[in-house]
Amino acid sequence: MCDKTVLCPFTLEVAIFPTYQKKIRVPAKTGEIKSISYNLEPLVHYILNTPNPKCPLTRDRFSEEEMEEIVRAAQEHGIETTRRKSVRETEEEVEKRERMLSSISYLEHYVWEIIKVITKYDDLEPLVAGIFRQIIRRAENRIFPEIIVHYKIVYKTSNREAEEFIKTTLNSIKQEKPSVIREYFEHFFYTLHAMFSHNHLKNTPATPP
C-alpha cells in the first residue's frame, strides 16, 4: 500500500507550508508512529465549519485540544479563523441530530469495513478464486442496504452533513492503492448522494432494521 501520510488528507497533494502535523499509529503495519501533514488553511476552515470534523485518513474526530492547536497555528500565520454562527436548536432538532449522529456512527463502521477490504484486496485476489464477485455480492446484499438506510437519516436531517460524509469517505478511499475494487466502491459513494438528490432513493425506509 502506498504511504498515505505523504499527502495532505484533504487536498491529496504534498502539504505545503504552513502545515499542521498529527502523530498517528499505523496498526496495519507494526504499530509504528507516523506523522500526517495537513495543509493548514483548508484544515482550519474545515474544522471551524463542520459539526463533527474528522481526519479523512484515520476517520478519527479531531479532539478539542487538537482543534485549539490548529486555530492558534492558523492565527499565527494570518489565516482567517471566523466560525459560522450557530443557531439555537429546538428539542425536536436535538433529537433529530442525535439520531443522525447515531447513523453516522453506523456509516463509519461500514466505511472502515470497506477500507479494510480495499486494503487487503491485492493480497487476496491471487489466492481466493472469485474474490471480486464474493465482495460485490456481500456489499450489495448486506452492506449497501444498511448504508442507504442510515445515509437517508443523515440526508434528511442535514444535507450538508450528508455531503461531508460523502466527501470524507471518497477522500479516504482515494488514499488507497488504485484497484478494480477501489473503483467499484468509489462509484457507489459517488452516486449515492446524487441518487438521493434526484429522488431515486427517498422512498426507502428511514428506520434501521
N, C-alpha and C. Protein backbone atom coordinates (compact mmCIF):
# COMPACT_ATOMS: atom_id res chain seq x y z
N MET A 1 0.85 -1.19 0.00
CA MET A 1 0.00 0.00 0.00
C MET A 1 0.89 1.24 0.00
N CYS A 2 0.43 2.28 -0.67
CA CYS A 2 1.19 3.49 -0.75
C CYS A 2 1.26 4.16 0.61
N ASP A 3 2.28 5.00 0.82
CA ASP A 3 2.42 5.72 2.07
C ASP A 3 1.49 6.90 2.07
N LYS A 4 0.32 6.74 2.72
CA LYS A 4 -0.72 7.75 2.68
C LYS A 4 -0.35 8.99 3.47
N THR A 5 0.64 8.88 4.38
CA THR A 5 0.96 10.01 5.23
C THR A 5 1.76 11.07 4.49
N VAL A 6 2.18 10.80 3.26
CA VAL A 6 2.96 11.77 2.48
C VAL A 6 2.08 12.92 2.02
N LEU A 7 0.81 12.65 1.72
CA LEU A 7 -0.09 13.64 1.15
C LEU A 7 -1.02 14.23 2.21
N CYS A 8 -1.41 15.48 2.01
CA CYS A 8 -2.42 16.09 2.86
C CYS A 8 -3.74 15.33 2.64
N PRO A 9 -4.39 14.82 3.68
CA PRO A 9 -5.62 14.05 3.50
C PRO A 9 -6.77 14.84 2.89
N PHE A 10 -6.70 16.17 2.93
CA PHE A 10 -7.78 16.98 2.39
C PHE A 10 -7.56 17.34 0.93
N THR A 11 -6.36 17.76 0.58
CA THR A 11 -6.09 18.19 -0.80
C THR A 11 -5.55 17.06 -1.67
N LEU A 12 -5.09 15.95 -1.02
CA LEU A 12 -4.45 14.82 -1.71
C LEU A 12 -3.24 15.28 -2.51
N GLU A 13 -2.59 16.32 -2.02
CA GLU A 13 -1.34 16.82 -2.59
C GLU A 13 -0.31 16.92 -1.46
N VAL A 14 0.96 17.03 -1.85
CA VAL A 14 2.00 17.18 -0.83
C VAL A 14 1.74 18.47 -0.05
N ALA A 15 1.72 18.36 1.27
CA ALA A 15 1.44 19.52 2.11
C ALA A 15 2.52 20.58 1.97
N ILE A 16 2.09 21.84 1.82
CA ILE A 16 3.00 22.96 1.65
C ILE A 16 2.82 23.92 2.82
N PHE A 17 3.90 24.47 3.34
CA PHE A 17 3.88 25.40 4.46
C PHE A 17 2.88 26.53 4.21
N PRO A 18 2.08 26.92 5.23
CA PRO A 18 2.04 26.40 6.60
C PRO A 18 1.23 25.11 6.72
N THR A 19 1.70 24.22 7.57
CA THR A 19 1.05 22.92 7.72
C THR A 19 0.76 22.65 9.20
N TYR A 20 -0.02 21.59 9.43
CA TYR A 20 -0.26 21.11 10.79
C TYR A 20 0.13 19.64 10.81
N GLN A 21 0.90 19.23 11.84
CA GLN A 21 1.38 17.85 11.96
C GLN A 21 0.58 17.09 13.01
N LYS A 22 0.19 15.86 12.67
CA LYS A 22 -0.53 15.00 13.63
C LYS A 22 0.12 13.63 13.66
N LYS A 23 0.42 13.14 14.85
CA LYS A 23 1.02 11.82 15.01
C LYS A 23 -0.08 10.75 15.00
N ILE A 24 0.15 9.67 14.25
CA ILE A 24 -0.80 8.55 14.25
C ILE A 24 -0.04 7.24 14.37
N ARG A 25 -0.73 6.23 14.89
CA ARG A 25 -0.16 4.89 14.94
C ARG A 25 -0.68 4.11 13.74
N VAL A 26 0.17 3.32 13.11
CA VAL A 26 -0.21 2.58 11.90
C VAL A 26 -0.35 1.11 12.26
N PRO A 27 -1.55 0.68 12.68
CA PRO A 27 -1.74 -0.70 13.16
C PRO A 27 -1.60 -1.74 12.07
N ALA A 28 -1.87 -1.34 10.81
CA ALA A 28 -1.80 -2.33 9.72
C ALA A 28 -0.38 -2.80 9.49
N LYS A 29 0.60 -2.03 10.01
CA LYS A 29 1.99 -2.43 9.82
C LYS A 29 2.53 -2.98 11.14
N THR A 30 3.33 -2.23 11.86
CA THR A 30 3.93 -2.74 13.09
C THR A 30 3.56 -1.89 14.28
N GLY A 31 2.50 -1.10 14.15
CA GLY A 31 2.16 -0.19 15.23
C GLY A 31 3.07 1.01 15.28
N GLU A 32 3.86 1.21 14.21
CA GLU A 32 4.78 2.35 14.18
C GLU A 32 4.01 3.67 14.17
N ILE A 33 4.65 4.72 14.65
CA ILE A 33 4.03 6.03 14.70
C ILE A 33 4.53 6.87 13.53
N LYS A 34 3.60 7.44 12.78
CA LYS A 34 3.93 8.31 11.66
C LYS A 34 3.28 9.66 11.85
N SER A 35 3.68 10.59 11.04
CA SER A 35 3.16 11.95 11.13
C SER A 35 2.39 12.29 9.86
N ILE A 36 1.16 12.82 10.03
CA ILE A 36 0.38 13.31 8.89
C ILE A 36 0.59 14.81 8.78
N SER A 37 0.80 15.29 7.58
CA SER A 37 0.92 16.73 7.34
C SER A 37 -0.33 17.22 6.61
N TYR A 38 -1.01 18.20 7.21
CA TYR A 38 -2.19 18.80 6.60
C TYR A 38 -1.85 20.20 6.11
N ASN A 39 -2.38 20.58 4.96
CA ASN A 39 -2.32 21.99 4.57
C ASN A 39 -3.19 22.76 5.56
N LEU A 40 -2.61 23.76 6.21
CA LEU A 40 -3.26 24.39 7.35
C LEU A 40 -4.55 25.15 6.99
N GLU A 41 -4.56 25.88 5.89
CA GLU A 41 -5.72 26.71 5.58
C GLU A 41 -6.99 25.90 5.33
N PRO A 42 -6.97 24.88 4.44
CA PRO A 42 -8.21 24.09 4.27
C PRO A 42 -8.58 23.32 5.53
N LEU A 43 -7.57 22.95 6.34
CA LEU A 43 -7.86 22.20 7.57
C LEU A 43 -8.61 23.07 8.57
N VAL A 44 -8.15 24.31 8.80
CA VAL A 44 -8.81 25.15 9.80
C VAL A 44 -10.20 25.57 9.34
N HIS A 45 -10.38 25.82 8.05
CA HIS A 45 -11.71 26.16 7.55
C HIS A 45 -12.66 24.97 7.72
N TYR A 46 -12.14 23.78 7.54
CA TYR A 46 -12.95 22.56 7.69
C TYR A 46 -13.41 22.38 9.14
N ILE A 47 -12.47 22.45 10.09
CA ILE A 47 -12.85 22.17 11.48
C ILE A 47 -13.75 23.26 12.07
N LEU A 48 -13.63 24.49 11.57
CA LEU A 48 -14.45 25.58 12.09
C LEU A 48 -15.88 25.54 11.56
N ASN A 49 -16.08 24.90 10.43
CA ASN A 49 -17.38 24.95 9.77
C ASN A 49 -18.03 23.60 9.56
N THR A 50 -17.54 22.59 10.30
CA THR A 50 -18.09 21.24 10.21
C THR A 50 -18.49 20.78 11.61
N PRO A 51 -19.71 20.26 11.79
CA PRO A 51 -20.18 19.89 13.13
C PRO A 51 -19.31 18.85 13.83
N ASN A 52 -18.85 17.84 13.10
CA ASN A 52 -18.07 16.76 13.71
C ASN A 52 -16.82 16.49 12.87
N PRO A 53 -15.85 17.41 12.89
CA PRO A 53 -14.70 17.27 12.00
C PRO A 53 -13.85 16.05 12.30
N LYS A 54 -13.50 15.32 11.24
CA LYS A 54 -12.67 14.13 11.40
C LYS A 54 -11.63 14.07 10.29
N CYS A 55 -10.55 13.36 10.54
CA CYS A 55 -9.49 13.20 9.54
C CYS A 55 -9.93 12.18 8.49
N PRO A 56 -9.85 12.53 7.19
CA PRO A 56 -10.24 11.57 6.14
C PRO A 56 -9.35 10.33 6.10
N LEU A 57 -8.12 10.45 6.63
CA LEU A 57 -7.21 9.30 6.59
C LEU A 57 -7.51 8.32 7.72
N THR A 58 -7.57 8.80 8.96
CA THR A 58 -7.80 7.91 10.10
C THR A 58 -9.27 7.77 10.43
N ARG A 59 -10.10 8.73 9.95
CA ARG A 59 -11.54 8.83 10.25
C ARG A 59 -11.79 9.01 11.74
N ASP A 60 -10.77 9.45 12.47
CA ASP A 60 -10.93 9.82 13.88
C ASP A 60 -11.31 11.28 13.97
N ARG A 61 -12.16 11.61 14.95
CA ARG A 61 -12.53 13.00 15.16
C ARG A 61 -11.35 13.77 15.75
N PHE A 62 -11.22 15.03 15.35
CA PHE A 62 -10.21 15.89 15.96
C PHE A 62 -10.66 16.22 17.38
N SER A 63 -9.73 16.12 18.34
CA SER A 63 -10.05 16.45 19.72
C SER A 63 -10.14 17.96 19.89
N GLU A 64 -10.75 18.39 21.00
CA GLU A 64 -10.83 19.82 21.30
C GLU A 64 -9.44 20.43 21.38
N GLU A 65 -8.51 19.71 21.98
CA GLU A 65 -7.14 20.20 22.11
C GLU A 65 -6.50 20.38 20.73
N GLU A 66 -6.70 19.39 19.86
CA GLU A 66 -6.13 19.49 18.51
C GLU A 66 -6.73 20.67 17.75
N MET A 67 -8.05 20.86 17.88
CA MET A 67 -8.70 21.95 17.16
C MET A 67 -8.20 23.31 17.66
N GLU A 68 -7.98 23.42 18.96
CA GLU A 68 -7.43 24.67 19.51
C GLU A 68 -6.03 24.92 18.96
N GLU A 69 -5.21 23.87 18.86
CA GLU A 69 -3.86 24.00 18.31
C GLU A 69 -3.91 24.46 16.85
N ILE A 70 -4.84 23.89 16.10
CA ILE A 70 -4.97 24.22 14.68
C ILE A 70 -5.38 25.68 14.51
N VAL A 71 -6.35 26.13 15.30
CA VAL A 71 -6.81 27.52 15.22
C VAL A 71 -5.69 28.47 15.59
N ARG A 72 -4.96 28.16 16.67
CA ARG A 72 -3.84 29.03 17.08
C ARG A 72 -2.79 29.11 15.98
N ALA A 73 -2.47 27.96 15.39
CA ALA A 73 -1.45 27.94 14.31
C ALA A 73 -1.92 28.78 13.13
N ALA A 74 -3.21 28.67 12.79
CA ALA A 74 -3.75 29.45 11.67
C ALA A 74 -3.67 30.94 11.97
N GLN A 75 -4.02 31.33 13.18
CA GLN A 75 -3.97 32.75 13.56
C GLN A 75 -2.54 33.29 13.49
N GLU A 76 -1.58 32.46 13.90
CA GLU A 76 -0.17 32.88 13.85
C GLU A 76 0.30 33.14 12.42
N HIS A 77 -0.36 32.46 11.45
CA HIS A 77 0.02 32.63 10.05
C HIS A 77 -0.95 33.53 9.29
N GLY A 78 -1.80 34.25 10.03
CA GLY A 78 -2.69 35.22 9.40
C GLY A 78 -3.83 34.61 8.60
N ILE A 79 -4.21 33.36 8.91
CA ILE A 79 -5.31 32.69 8.21
C ILE A 79 -6.63 33.01 8.92
N GLU A 80 -7.67 33.31 8.16
CA GLU A 80 -8.98 33.63 8.71
C GLU A 80 -9.52 32.48 9.55
N THR A 81 -9.98 32.80 10.78
CA THR A 81 -10.47 31.74 11.68
C THR A 81 -11.85 32.08 12.24
N THR A 82 -12.67 32.74 11.44
CA THR A 82 -14.03 33.08 11.88
C THR A 82 -14.94 31.88 11.73
N ARG A 83 -15.61 31.52 12.81
CA ARG A 83 -16.54 30.39 12.79
C ARG A 83 -17.94 30.88 12.42
N ARG A 84 -18.65 30.11 11.59
CA ARG A 84 -20.03 30.46 11.27
C ARG A 84 -20.89 30.46 12.53
N LYS A 85 -21.84 31.39 12.60
CA LYS A 85 -22.72 31.48 13.77
C LYS A 85 -23.62 30.25 13.85
N SER A 86 -23.72 29.69 15.07
CA SER A 86 -24.59 28.54 15.27
C SER A 86 -26.01 29.01 15.59
N VAL A 87 -26.99 28.18 15.27
CA VAL A 87 -28.40 28.50 15.51
C VAL A 87 -28.91 27.65 16.67
N ARG A 88 -29.64 28.26 17.59
CA ARG A 88 -30.17 27.53 18.74
C ARG A 88 -31.15 26.46 18.27
N GLU A 89 -30.98 25.22 18.77
CA GLU A 89 -31.79 24.09 18.32
C GLU A 89 -33.02 23.90 19.21
N THR A 90 -34.14 23.48 18.60
CA THR A 90 -35.32 23.09 19.36
C THR A 90 -35.09 21.67 19.90
N GLU A 91 -35.97 21.24 20.81
CA GLU A 91 -35.86 19.88 21.36
C GLU A 91 -35.99 18.83 20.26
N GLU A 92 -36.90 19.08 19.31
CA GLU A 92 -37.08 18.14 18.20
C GLU A 92 -35.82 18.08 17.34
N GLU A 93 -35.21 19.24 17.11
CA GLU A 93 -33.98 19.28 16.30
C GLU A 93 -32.84 18.56 17.00
N VAL A 94 -32.77 18.68 18.32
CA VAL A 94 -31.74 17.97 19.09
C VAL A 94 -31.91 16.47 18.93
N GLU A 95 -33.17 15.99 19.03
CA GLU A 95 -33.45 14.56 18.87
C GLU A 95 -33.06 14.07 17.48
N LYS A 96 -33.37 14.88 16.47
CA LYS A 96 -33.01 14.51 15.09
C LYS A 96 -31.49 14.45 14.93
N ARG A 97 -30.81 15.43 15.53
CA ARG A 97 -29.35 15.46 15.41
C ARG A 97 -28.73 14.25 16.10
N GLU A 98 -29.26 13.87 17.26
CA GLU A 98 -28.72 12.70 17.96
C GLU A 98 -28.94 11.43 17.16
N ARG A 99 -30.10 11.33 16.53
CA ARG A 99 -30.37 10.16 15.67
C ARG A 99 -29.43 10.17 14.47
N MET A 100 -29.19 11.36 13.93
CA MET A 100 -28.26 11.46 12.80
C MET A 100 -26.86 11.03 13.20
N LEU A 101 -26.39 11.47 14.38
CA LEU A 101 -25.06 11.10 14.84
C LEU A 101 -24.94 9.60 15.06
N SER A 102 -26.04 8.97 15.52
CA SER A 102 -26.04 7.51 15.67
C SER A 102 -25.89 6.84 14.30
N SER A 103 -26.60 7.36 13.30
CA SER A 103 -26.49 6.79 11.95
C SER A 103 -25.10 7.02 11.37
N ILE A 104 -24.51 8.17 11.66
CA ILE A 104 -23.15 8.43 11.18
C ILE A 104 -22.18 7.41 11.77
N SER A 105 -22.38 7.03 13.03
CA SER A 105 -21.52 6.01 13.65
C SER A 105 -21.62 4.68 12.91
N TYR A 106 -22.87 4.30 12.54
CA TYR A 106 -23.05 3.08 11.74
C TYR A 106 -22.34 3.21 10.39
N LEU A 107 -22.50 4.36 9.76
CA LEU A 107 -21.87 4.58 8.45
C LEU A 107 -20.35 4.48 8.55
N GLU A 108 -19.79 5.05 9.61
CA GLU A 108 -18.33 4.99 9.79
C GLU A 108 -17.86 3.55 9.92
N HIS A 109 -18.66 2.74 10.63
CA HIS A 109 -18.31 1.32 10.77
C HIS A 109 -18.23 0.64 9.40
N TYR A 110 -19.25 0.88 8.56
CA TYR A 110 -19.26 0.24 7.24
C TYR A 110 -18.13 0.78 6.35
N VAL A 111 -17.83 2.06 6.48
CA VAL A 111 -16.72 2.61 5.68
C VAL A 111 -15.41 1.94 6.07
N TRP A 112 -15.20 1.74 7.37
CA TRP A 112 -13.97 1.07 7.80
C TRP A 112 -13.90 -0.35 7.25
N GLU A 113 -15.04 -1.05 7.23
CA GLU A 113 -15.06 -2.39 6.66
C GLU A 113 -14.66 -2.35 5.18
N ILE A 114 -15.18 -1.36 4.48
CA ILE A 114 -14.86 -1.21 3.05
C ILE A 114 -13.39 -0.89 2.85
N ILE A 115 -12.85 0.02 3.67
CA ILE A 115 -11.43 0.39 3.56
C ILE A 115 -10.55 -0.84 3.78
N LYS A 116 -10.92 -1.67 4.77
CA LYS A 116 -10.13 -2.87 5.04
C LYS A 116 -10.16 -3.83 3.85
N VAL A 117 -11.33 -3.95 3.21
CA VAL A 117 -11.44 -4.82 2.04
C VAL A 117 -10.57 -4.30 0.90
N ILE A 118 -10.61 -2.99 0.66
CA ILE A 118 -9.80 -2.40 -0.41
C ILE A 118 -8.32 -2.61 -0.13
N THR A 119 -7.93 -2.41 1.13
CA THR A 119 -6.51 -2.54 1.52
C THR A 119 -6.00 -3.95 1.30
N LYS A 120 -6.85 -4.95 1.62
CA LYS A 120 -6.41 -6.35 1.54
C LYS A 120 -6.64 -6.99 0.18
N TYR A 121 -7.31 -6.29 -0.72
CA TYR A 121 -7.73 -6.91 -1.98
C TYR A 121 -6.55 -7.45 -2.80
N ASP A 122 -5.48 -6.68 -2.92
CA ASP A 122 -4.33 -7.11 -3.72
C ASP A 122 -3.72 -8.40 -3.19
N ASP A 123 -3.76 -8.59 -1.86
CA ASP A 123 -3.21 -9.83 -1.29
C ASP A 123 -4.16 -11.00 -1.48
N LEU A 124 -5.48 -10.73 -1.45
CA LEU A 124 -6.47 -11.81 -1.55
C LEU A 124 -6.72 -12.26 -2.99
N GLU A 125 -6.67 -11.31 -3.93
CA GLU A 125 -7.08 -11.57 -5.31
C GLU A 125 -6.37 -12.77 -5.94
N PRO A 126 -5.04 -12.91 -5.77
CA PRO A 126 -4.40 -14.09 -6.40
C PRO A 126 -4.67 -15.39 -5.65
N LEU A 127 -5.12 -15.31 -4.40
CA LEU A 127 -5.24 -16.51 -3.57
C LEU A 127 -6.66 -17.07 -3.50
N VAL A 128 -7.65 -16.21 -3.60
CA VAL A 128 -9.05 -16.64 -3.43
C VAL A 128 -9.78 -16.51 -4.76
N ALA A 129 -10.19 -17.65 -5.31
CA ALA A 129 -10.89 -17.64 -6.60
C ALA A 129 -12.23 -16.91 -6.47
N GLY A 130 -12.50 -16.03 -7.43
CA GLY A 130 -13.77 -15.32 -7.44
C GLY A 130 -13.95 -14.32 -6.32
N ILE A 131 -12.85 -13.82 -5.75
CA ILE A 131 -12.95 -12.92 -4.60
C ILE A 131 -13.70 -11.63 -4.96
N PHE A 132 -13.51 -11.13 -6.18
CA PHE A 132 -14.19 -9.89 -6.58
C PHE A 132 -15.71 -10.09 -6.55
N ARG A 133 -16.18 -11.21 -7.10
CA ARG A 133 -17.63 -11.48 -7.09
C ARG A 133 -18.15 -11.66 -5.68
N GLN A 134 -17.35 -12.31 -4.82
CA GLN A 134 -17.76 -12.51 -3.43
C GLN A 134 -17.92 -11.17 -2.70
N ILE A 135 -16.98 -10.27 -2.93
CA ILE A 135 -17.03 -8.96 -2.29
C ILE A 135 -18.25 -8.18 -2.76
N ILE A 136 -18.49 -8.20 -4.07
CA ILE A 136 -19.64 -7.48 -4.63
C ILE A 136 -20.95 -8.05 -4.08
N ARG A 137 -21.05 -9.36 -4.02
CA ARG A 137 -22.28 -10.00 -3.53
C ARG A 137 -22.55 -9.59 -2.08
N ARG A 138 -21.52 -9.62 -1.25
CA ARG A 138 -21.69 -9.24 0.16
C ARG A 138 -22.04 -7.75 0.28
N ALA A 139 -21.38 -6.92 -0.52
CA ALA A 139 -21.65 -5.48 -0.46
C ALA A 139 -23.09 -5.18 -0.86
N GLU A 140 -23.54 -5.79 -1.95
CA GLU A 140 -24.87 -5.47 -2.47
C GLU A 140 -25.99 -6.10 -1.64
N ASN A 141 -25.72 -7.23 -0.99
CA ASN A 141 -26.75 -7.90 -0.20
C ASN A 141 -26.80 -7.43 1.26
N ARG A 142 -25.64 -7.02 1.82
CA ARG A 142 -25.60 -6.73 3.25
C ARG A 142 -25.17 -5.30 3.57
N ILE A 143 -24.11 -4.82 2.92
CA ILE A 143 -23.54 -3.53 3.32
C ILE A 143 -24.28 -2.35 2.72
N PHE A 144 -24.49 -2.37 1.41
CA PHE A 144 -25.13 -1.22 0.75
C PHE A 144 -26.54 -0.94 1.26
N PRO A 145 -27.40 -1.96 1.48
CA PRO A 145 -28.73 -1.65 2.02
C PRO A 145 -28.67 -0.94 3.37
N GLU A 146 -27.73 -1.35 4.24
CA GLU A 146 -27.59 -0.70 5.54
C GLU A 146 -27.09 0.74 5.38
N ILE A 147 -26.13 0.93 4.48
CA ILE A 147 -25.61 2.28 4.23
C ILE A 147 -26.72 3.19 3.73
N ILE A 148 -27.55 2.69 2.83
CA ILE A 148 -28.63 3.51 2.27
C ILE A 148 -29.62 3.93 3.36
N VAL A 149 -29.98 3.01 4.25
CA VAL A 149 -30.92 3.33 5.32
C VAL A 149 -30.36 4.44 6.22
N HIS A 150 -29.12 4.28 6.66
CA HIS A 150 -28.54 5.26 7.58
C HIS A 150 -28.18 6.57 6.87
N TYR A 151 -27.78 6.47 5.63
CA TYR A 151 -27.46 7.70 4.89
C TYR A 151 -28.73 8.53 4.69
N LYS A 152 -29.86 7.87 4.49
CA LYS A 152 -31.11 8.62 4.32
C LYS A 152 -31.44 9.42 5.58
N ILE A 153 -31.19 8.84 6.75
CA ILE A 153 -31.43 9.55 8.00
C ILE A 153 -30.55 10.79 8.08
N VAL A 154 -29.28 10.64 7.71
CA VAL A 154 -28.36 11.78 7.73
C VAL A 154 -28.80 12.82 6.72
N TYR A 155 -29.13 12.38 5.52
CA TYR A 155 -29.50 13.29 4.43
C TYR A 155 -30.74 14.11 4.79
N LYS A 156 -31.75 13.44 5.40
CA LYS A 156 -32.99 14.13 5.74
C LYS A 156 -32.80 15.12 6.90
N THR A 157 -31.80 14.85 7.74
CA THR A 157 -31.53 15.74 8.87
C THR A 157 -30.65 16.92 8.47
N SER A 158 -29.60 16.63 7.70
CA SER A 158 -28.66 17.68 7.30
C SER A 158 -28.02 17.33 5.97
N ASN A 159 -28.45 18.02 4.93
CA ASN A 159 -27.86 17.79 3.62
C ASN A 159 -26.37 18.08 3.64
N ARG A 160 -25.99 19.10 4.39
CA ARG A 160 -24.57 19.46 4.49
C ARG A 160 -23.75 18.35 5.13
N GLU A 161 -24.29 17.76 6.23
CA GLU A 161 -23.59 16.66 6.90
C GLU A 161 -23.50 15.45 5.98
N ALA A 162 -24.54 15.20 5.19
CA ALA A 162 -24.52 14.08 4.24
C ALA A 162 -23.44 14.30 3.18
N GLU A 163 -23.36 15.51 2.66
CA GLU A 163 -22.34 15.82 1.66
C GLU A 163 -20.94 15.68 2.26
N GLU A 164 -20.79 16.10 3.52
CA GLU A 164 -19.49 16.00 4.18
C GLU A 164 -19.09 14.54 4.36
N PHE A 165 -20.06 13.69 4.69
CA PHE A 165 -19.77 12.26 4.83
C PHE A 165 -19.27 11.69 3.50
N ILE A 166 -19.96 12.02 2.41
CA ILE A 166 -19.53 11.52 1.09
C ILE A 166 -18.14 12.03 0.75
N LYS A 167 -17.90 13.31 1.02
CA LYS A 167 -16.60 13.91 0.68
C LYS A 167 -15.47 13.24 1.44
N THR A 168 -15.62 13.07 2.77
CA THR A 168 -14.54 12.47 3.55
C THR A 168 -14.37 10.99 3.22
N THR A 169 -15.48 10.30 2.92
CA THR A 169 -15.39 8.88 2.56
C THR A 169 -14.64 8.70 1.25
N LEU A 170 -14.97 9.49 0.25
CA LEU A 170 -14.26 9.40 -1.02
C LEU A 170 -12.79 9.76 -0.85
N ASN A 171 -12.52 10.74 0.02
CA ASN A 171 -11.14 11.11 0.29
C ASN A 171 -10.38 9.95 0.91
N SER A 172 -11.02 9.24 1.83
CA SER A 172 -10.40 8.07 2.47
C SER A 172 -10.12 6.97 1.44
N ILE A 173 -11.11 6.70 0.60
CA ILE A 173 -10.96 5.64 -0.40
C ILE A 173 -9.87 5.98 -1.40
N LYS A 174 -9.79 7.24 -1.81
CA LYS A 174 -8.81 7.66 -2.81
C LYS A 174 -7.37 7.52 -2.31
N GLN A 175 -7.19 7.42 -1.01
CA GLN A 175 -5.84 7.28 -0.48
C GLN A 175 -5.35 5.84 -0.47
N GLU A 176 -6.21 4.92 -0.91
CA GLU A 176 -5.79 3.53 -1.07
C GLU A 176 -5.22 3.31 -2.48
N LYS A 177 -4.48 2.22 -2.62
CA LYS A 177 -3.87 1.90 -3.90
C LYS A 177 -4.94 1.66 -4.97
N PRO A 178 -4.78 2.22 -6.18
CA PRO A 178 -5.79 2.01 -7.24
C PRO A 178 -6.01 0.52 -7.53
N SER A 179 -7.26 0.13 -7.68
CA SER A 179 -7.61 -1.25 -7.99
C SER A 179 -9.04 -1.28 -8.49
N VAL A 180 -9.45 -2.39 -9.05
CA VAL A 180 -10.81 -2.51 -9.56
C VAL A 180 -11.82 -2.45 -8.41
N ILE A 181 -11.43 -2.97 -7.23
CA ILE A 181 -12.36 -2.95 -6.10
C ILE A 181 -12.47 -1.55 -5.52
N ARG A 182 -11.37 -0.79 -5.52
CA ARG A 182 -11.45 0.61 -5.08
C ARG A 182 -12.37 1.40 -5.99
N GLU A 183 -12.23 1.19 -7.29
CA GLU A 183 -13.07 1.89 -8.26
C GLU A 183 -14.55 1.54 -8.06
N TYR A 184 -14.82 0.28 -7.74
CA TYR A 184 -16.20 -0.17 -7.52
C TYR A 184 -16.84 0.58 -6.35
N PHE A 185 -16.12 0.68 -5.23
CA PHE A 185 -16.68 1.37 -4.06
C PHE A 185 -16.73 2.88 -4.27
N GLU A 186 -15.75 3.41 -4.98
CA GLU A 186 -15.79 4.84 -5.31
C GLU A 186 -17.07 5.16 -6.08
N HIS A 187 -17.39 4.33 -7.04
CA HIS A 187 -18.57 4.57 -7.87
C HIS A 187 -19.84 4.56 -7.01
N PHE A 188 -19.91 3.64 -6.06
CA PHE A 188 -21.09 3.58 -5.20
C PHE A 188 -21.28 4.88 -4.43
N PHE A 189 -20.22 5.38 -3.81
CA PHE A 189 -20.35 6.59 -3.00
C PHE A 189 -20.51 7.84 -3.86
N TYR A 190 -19.91 7.84 -5.05
CA TYR A 190 -20.11 8.97 -5.96
C TYR A 190 -21.60 9.12 -6.31
N THR A 191 -22.27 7.99 -6.52
CA THR A 191 -23.66 8.04 -6.98
C THR A 191 -24.68 8.12 -5.84
N LEU A 192 -24.27 7.75 -4.62
CA LEU A 192 -25.22 7.68 -3.51
C LEU A 192 -25.92 9.01 -3.26
N HIS A 193 -25.16 10.07 -3.08
CA HIS A 193 -25.77 11.37 -2.79
C HIS A 193 -26.57 11.87 -3.98
N ALA A 194 -26.05 11.64 -5.19
CA ALA A 194 -26.77 12.10 -6.39
C ALA A 194 -28.12 11.40 -6.50
N MET A 195 -28.18 10.12 -6.12
CA MET A 195 -29.43 9.37 -6.21
C MET A 195 -30.47 9.94 -5.25
N PHE A 196 -30.05 10.31 -4.04
CA PHE A 196 -30.98 10.94 -3.11
C PHE A 196 -31.40 12.32 -3.62
N SER A 197 -30.46 13.06 -4.14
CA SER A 197 -30.75 14.41 -4.62
C SER A 197 -31.77 14.41 -5.74
N HIS A 198 -31.78 13.32 -6.52
CA HIS A 198 -32.71 13.23 -7.64
C HIS A 198 -33.91 12.33 -7.34
N ASN A 199 -34.17 12.12 -6.02
CA ASN A 199 -35.39 11.43 -5.57
C ASN A 199 -35.45 9.94 -5.87
N HIS A 200 -34.34 9.32 -6.28
CA HIS A 200 -34.41 7.90 -6.64
C HIS A 200 -34.51 6.99 -5.41
N LEU A 201 -33.97 7.43 -4.27
CA LEU A 201 -33.96 6.55 -3.09
C LEU A 201 -34.70 7.14 -1.91
N LYS A 202 -35.44 8.21 -2.11
CA LYS A 202 -36.09 8.87 -0.98
C LYS A 202 -37.24 8.05 -0.40
N ASN A 203 -37.73 7.04 -1.12
CA ASN A 203 -38.85 6.24 -0.61
C ASN A 203 -38.40 4.98 0.12
N THR A 204 -37.07 4.81 0.29
CA THR A 204 -36.59 3.67 1.06
C THR A 204 -36.88 3.90 2.54
N PRO A 205 -37.08 2.83 3.34
CA PRO A 205 -37.37 3.02 4.76
C PRO A 205 -36.28 3.80 5.46
N ALA A 206 -36.65 4.71 6.34
CA ALA A 206 -35.66 5.53 7.05
C ALA A 206 -35.42 5.03 8.46
N THR A 207 -36.01 3.89 8.81
CA THR A 207 -35.81 3.32 10.14
C THR A 207 -34.92 2.10 10.05
N PRO A 208 -33.77 2.11 10.75
CA PRO A 208 -32.87 0.97 10.67
C PRO A 208 -33.57 -0.30 11.14
N PRO A 209 -33.32 -1.43 10.45
CA PRO A 209 -33.96 -2.70 10.86
C PRO A 209 -33.47 -3.15 12.21
